Structures are given as C-alpha cells and as structure tokens.
C-alpha atoms as a PDB file:
ATOM      1  CA  UNK A   1      93.768 206.586  70.554  1.00  0.00           C
ATOM      2  CA  UNK A   2      90.073 207.056  71.054  1.00  0.00           C
ATOM      3  CA  UNK A   3      88.385 204.283  72.953  1.00  0.00           C
ATOM      4  CA  UNK A   4      84.516 204.065  71.901  1.00  0.00           C
ATOM      5  CA  UNK A   5      83.918 201.989  74.967  1.00  0.00           C
ATOM      6  CA  UNK A   6      85.407 204.370  77.470  1.00  0.00           C
ATOM      7  CA  UNK A   7      82.221 206.259  78.544  1.00  0.00           C
ATOM      8  CA  UNK A   8      79.800 203.424  77.391  1.00  0.00           C
ATOM      9  CA  UNK A   9      77.627 201.574  79.982  1.00  0.00           C
ATOM     10  CA  UNK A  10      78.263 197.753  80.092  1.00  0.00           C
ATOM     11  CA  UNK A  11      75.320 196.193  78.114  1.00  0.00           C
ATOM     12  CA  UNK A  12      73.804 192.551  77.406  1.00  0.00           C
ATOM     13  CA  UNK A  13      72.576 193.994  74.084  1.00  0.00           C
ATOM     14  CA  UNK A  14      75.809 195.724  73.029  1.00  0.00           C
ATOM     15  CA  UNK A  15      79.124 194.663  71.941  1.00  0.00           C
ATOM     16  CA  UNK A  16      81.100 192.625  74.609  1.00  0.00           C
ATOM     17  CA  UNK A  17      84.122 194.226  76.245  1.00  0.00           C
ATOM     18  CA  UNK A  18      86.358 191.098  75.736  1.00  0.00           C
ATOM     19  CA  UNK A  19      86.500 187.631  74.349  1.00  0.00           C
ATOM     20  CA  UNK A  20      88.457 185.104  76.083  1.00  0.00           C
ATOM     21  CA  UNK A  21      89.566 181.638  74.920  1.00  0.00           C
ATOM     22  CA  UNK A  22      88.002 178.681  76.655  1.00  0.00           C
ATOM     23  CA  UNK A  23      89.567 175.524  77.827  1.00  0.00           C
ATOM     24  CA  UNK A  24      86.670 172.951  78.394  1.00  0.00           C
ATOM     25  CA  UNK A  25      86.842 171.714  82.108  1.00  0.00           C
ATOM     26  CA  UNK A  26      84.445 169.366  83.960  1.00  0.00           C
ATOM     27  CA  UNK A  27      85.188 171.089  87.160  1.00  0.00           C
ATOM     28  CA  UNK A  28      85.984 174.783  86.794  1.00  0.00           C
ATOM     29  CA  UNK A  29      83.526 177.552  86.064  1.00  0.00           C
ATOM     30  CA  UNK A  30      84.798 180.336  83.719  1.00  0.00           C
ATOM     31  CA  UNK A  31      86.034 183.337  85.353  1.00  0.00           C
ATOM     32  CA  UNK A  32      82.939 185.254  84.828  1.00  0.00           C
ATOM     33  CA  UNK A  33      79.484 184.108  83.125  1.00  0.00           C
ATOM     34  CA  UNK A  34      79.866 184.709  79.649  1.00  0.00           C
ATOM     35  CA  UNK A  35      77.041 186.180  77.493  1.00  0.00           C
ATOM     36  CA  UNK A  36      77.592 184.030  74.478  1.00  0.00           C
ATOM     37  CA  UNK A  37      80.127 181.429  72.913  1.00  0.00           C
ATOM     38  CA  UNK A  38      82.087 181.191  69.712  1.00  0.00           C
ATOM     39  CA  UNK A  39      83.257 178.221  68.116  1.00  0.00           C
ATOM     40  CA  UNK A  40      85.789 178.073  65.341  1.00  0.00           C
ATOM     41  CA  UNK A  41      85.575 174.545  64.542  1.00  0.00           C
ATOM     42  CA  UNK A  42      81.873 172.884  64.872  1.00  0.00           C
ATOM     43  CA  UNK A  43      80.785 170.024  66.923  1.00  0.00           C
ATOM     44  CA  UNK A  44      79.229 169.388  70.005  1.00  0.00           C
ATOM     45  CA  UNK A  45      79.293 172.025  73.010  1.00  0.00           C
ATOM     46  CA  UNK A  46      78.530 170.822  76.682  1.00  0.00           C
ATOM     47  CA  UNK A  47      77.962 173.406  78.936  1.00  0.00           C
ATOM     48  CA  UNK A  48      76.279 174.628  82.308  1.00  0.00           C
ATOM     49  CA  UNK A  49      73.997 177.526  81.662  1.00  0.00           C
ATOM     50  CA  UNK A  50      73.967 180.803  83.800  1.00  0.00           C
ATOM     51  CA  UNK A  51      70.737 179.217  85.504  1.00  0.00           C
ATOM     52  CA  UNK A  52      72.547 176.064  86.357  1.00  0.00           C
ATOM     53  CA  UNK A  53      71.141 174.013  83.525  1.00  0.00           C
ATOM     54  CA  UNK A  54      73.384 171.205  81.787  1.00  0.00           C
ATOM     55  CA  UNK A  55      73.101 171.459  77.979  1.00  0.00           C
ATOM     56  CA  UNK A  56      74.825 169.993  74.973  1.00  0.00           C
ATOM     57  CA  UNK A  57      74.195 171.533  71.480  1.00  0.00           C
ATOM     58  CA  UNK A  58      75.622 170.911  68.005  1.00  0.00           C
ATOM     59  CA  UNK A  59      77.205 173.950  66.117  1.00  0.00           C
ATOM     60  CA  UNK A  60      78.824 174.571  62.954  1.00  0.00           C
ATOM     61  CA  UNK A  61      82.203 176.210  62.019  1.00  0.00           C
ATOM     62  CA  UNK A  62      82.372 179.781  63.031  1.00  0.00           C
ATOM     63  CA  UNK A  63      79.044 179.759  65.023  1.00  0.00           C
ATOM     64  CA  UNK A  64      77.975 181.959  67.951  1.00  0.00           C
ATOM     65  CA  UNK A  65      75.777 180.581  70.585  1.00  0.00           C
ATOM     66  CA  UNK A  66      73.844 183.314  72.450  1.00  0.00           C
ATOM     67  CA  UNK A  67      73.206 181.818  75.841  1.00  0.00           C
ATOM     68  CA  UNK A  68      74.632 182.821  79.277  1.00  0.00           C
ATOM     69  CA  UNK A  69      77.441 179.988  80.290  1.00  0.00           C
ATOM     70  CA  UNK A  70      78.946 179.588  83.507  1.00  0.00           C
ATOM     71  CA  UNK A  71      80.784 176.416  82.467  1.00  0.00           C
ATOM     72  CA  UNK A  72      82.041 174.700  79.256  1.00  0.00           C
ATOM     73  CA  UNK A  73      82.467 170.831  80.031  1.00  0.00           C
ATOM     74  CA  UNK A  74      85.236 168.739  78.527  1.00  0.00           C
ATOM     75  CA  UNK A  75      83.108 165.800  78.799  1.00  0.00           C
ATOM     76  CA  UNK A  76      80.934 165.897  75.732  1.00  0.00           C
ATOM     77  CA  UNK A  77      82.451 168.854  73.811  1.00  0.00           C
ATOM     78  CA  UNK A  78      83.954 168.278  70.554  1.00  0.00           C
ATOM     79  CA  UNK A  79      83.803 171.676  69.032  1.00  0.00           C
ATOM     80  CA  UNK A  80      87.209 173.676  68.937  1.00  0.00           C
ATOM     81  CA  UNK A  81      88.487 177.066  69.058  1.00  0.00           C
ATOM     82  CA  UNK A  82      85.803 178.095  71.610  1.00  0.00           C
ATOM     83  CA  UNK A  83      85.847 181.608  73.112  1.00  0.00           C
ATOM     84  CA  UNK A  84      83.695 183.267  75.598  1.00  0.00           C
ATOM     85  CA  UNK A  85      82.119 186.723  75.174  1.00  0.00           C
ATOM     86  CA  UNK A  86      82.422 188.515  78.311  1.00  0.00           C
ATOM     87  CA  UNK A  87      80.825 192.035  79.389  1.00  0.00           C
ATOM     88  CA  UNK A  88      83.017 192.640  82.259  1.00  0.00           C
END
C-alpha cells in the first residue's frame, strides 16, 4: 500500500494526520493541541483555545471549527460527536 503522507512534512495548512474522538472534560486537556474540531451534531462547544482563552460557540450539524483547541469543556458543551483534527 502506498502512503501519501510518508514523506510529507507536517503542516497546519494541509490535511491532518489523524482525527480523534473527544470526550468533553472540564479538567483534562486533549493529548495534543487540535488544529480544528468537527461536530457531528450541532449545539454549543465550550473550549479553551491554544492561546488559553475560554470560548463558547454554536455550531450546526457536521461543522468544522478551524481553531487551535487544547481542551473541550463538558460544562457548556451540548454538541456531540466531537472529533479533534490532529497534526501529530
């Protein structure tokens, strides 16, 4: 099988290396900072940005939120099926 990512440098402007399911948690950060979030079912997403700011945004079904995220908070998050786009 050919792997098109094999000799490619990791880039914030290119496709991500992986997408991981997120369980919102008020106390624990993601394993790495995500470059974006994807929500299957719309609602509110409360999160802490890569720069440490707390934000809450409303998203519709099947939305991509292109912002660096270090934590998705349980309190205030009503969207579901959240996944983190990871570059590493």
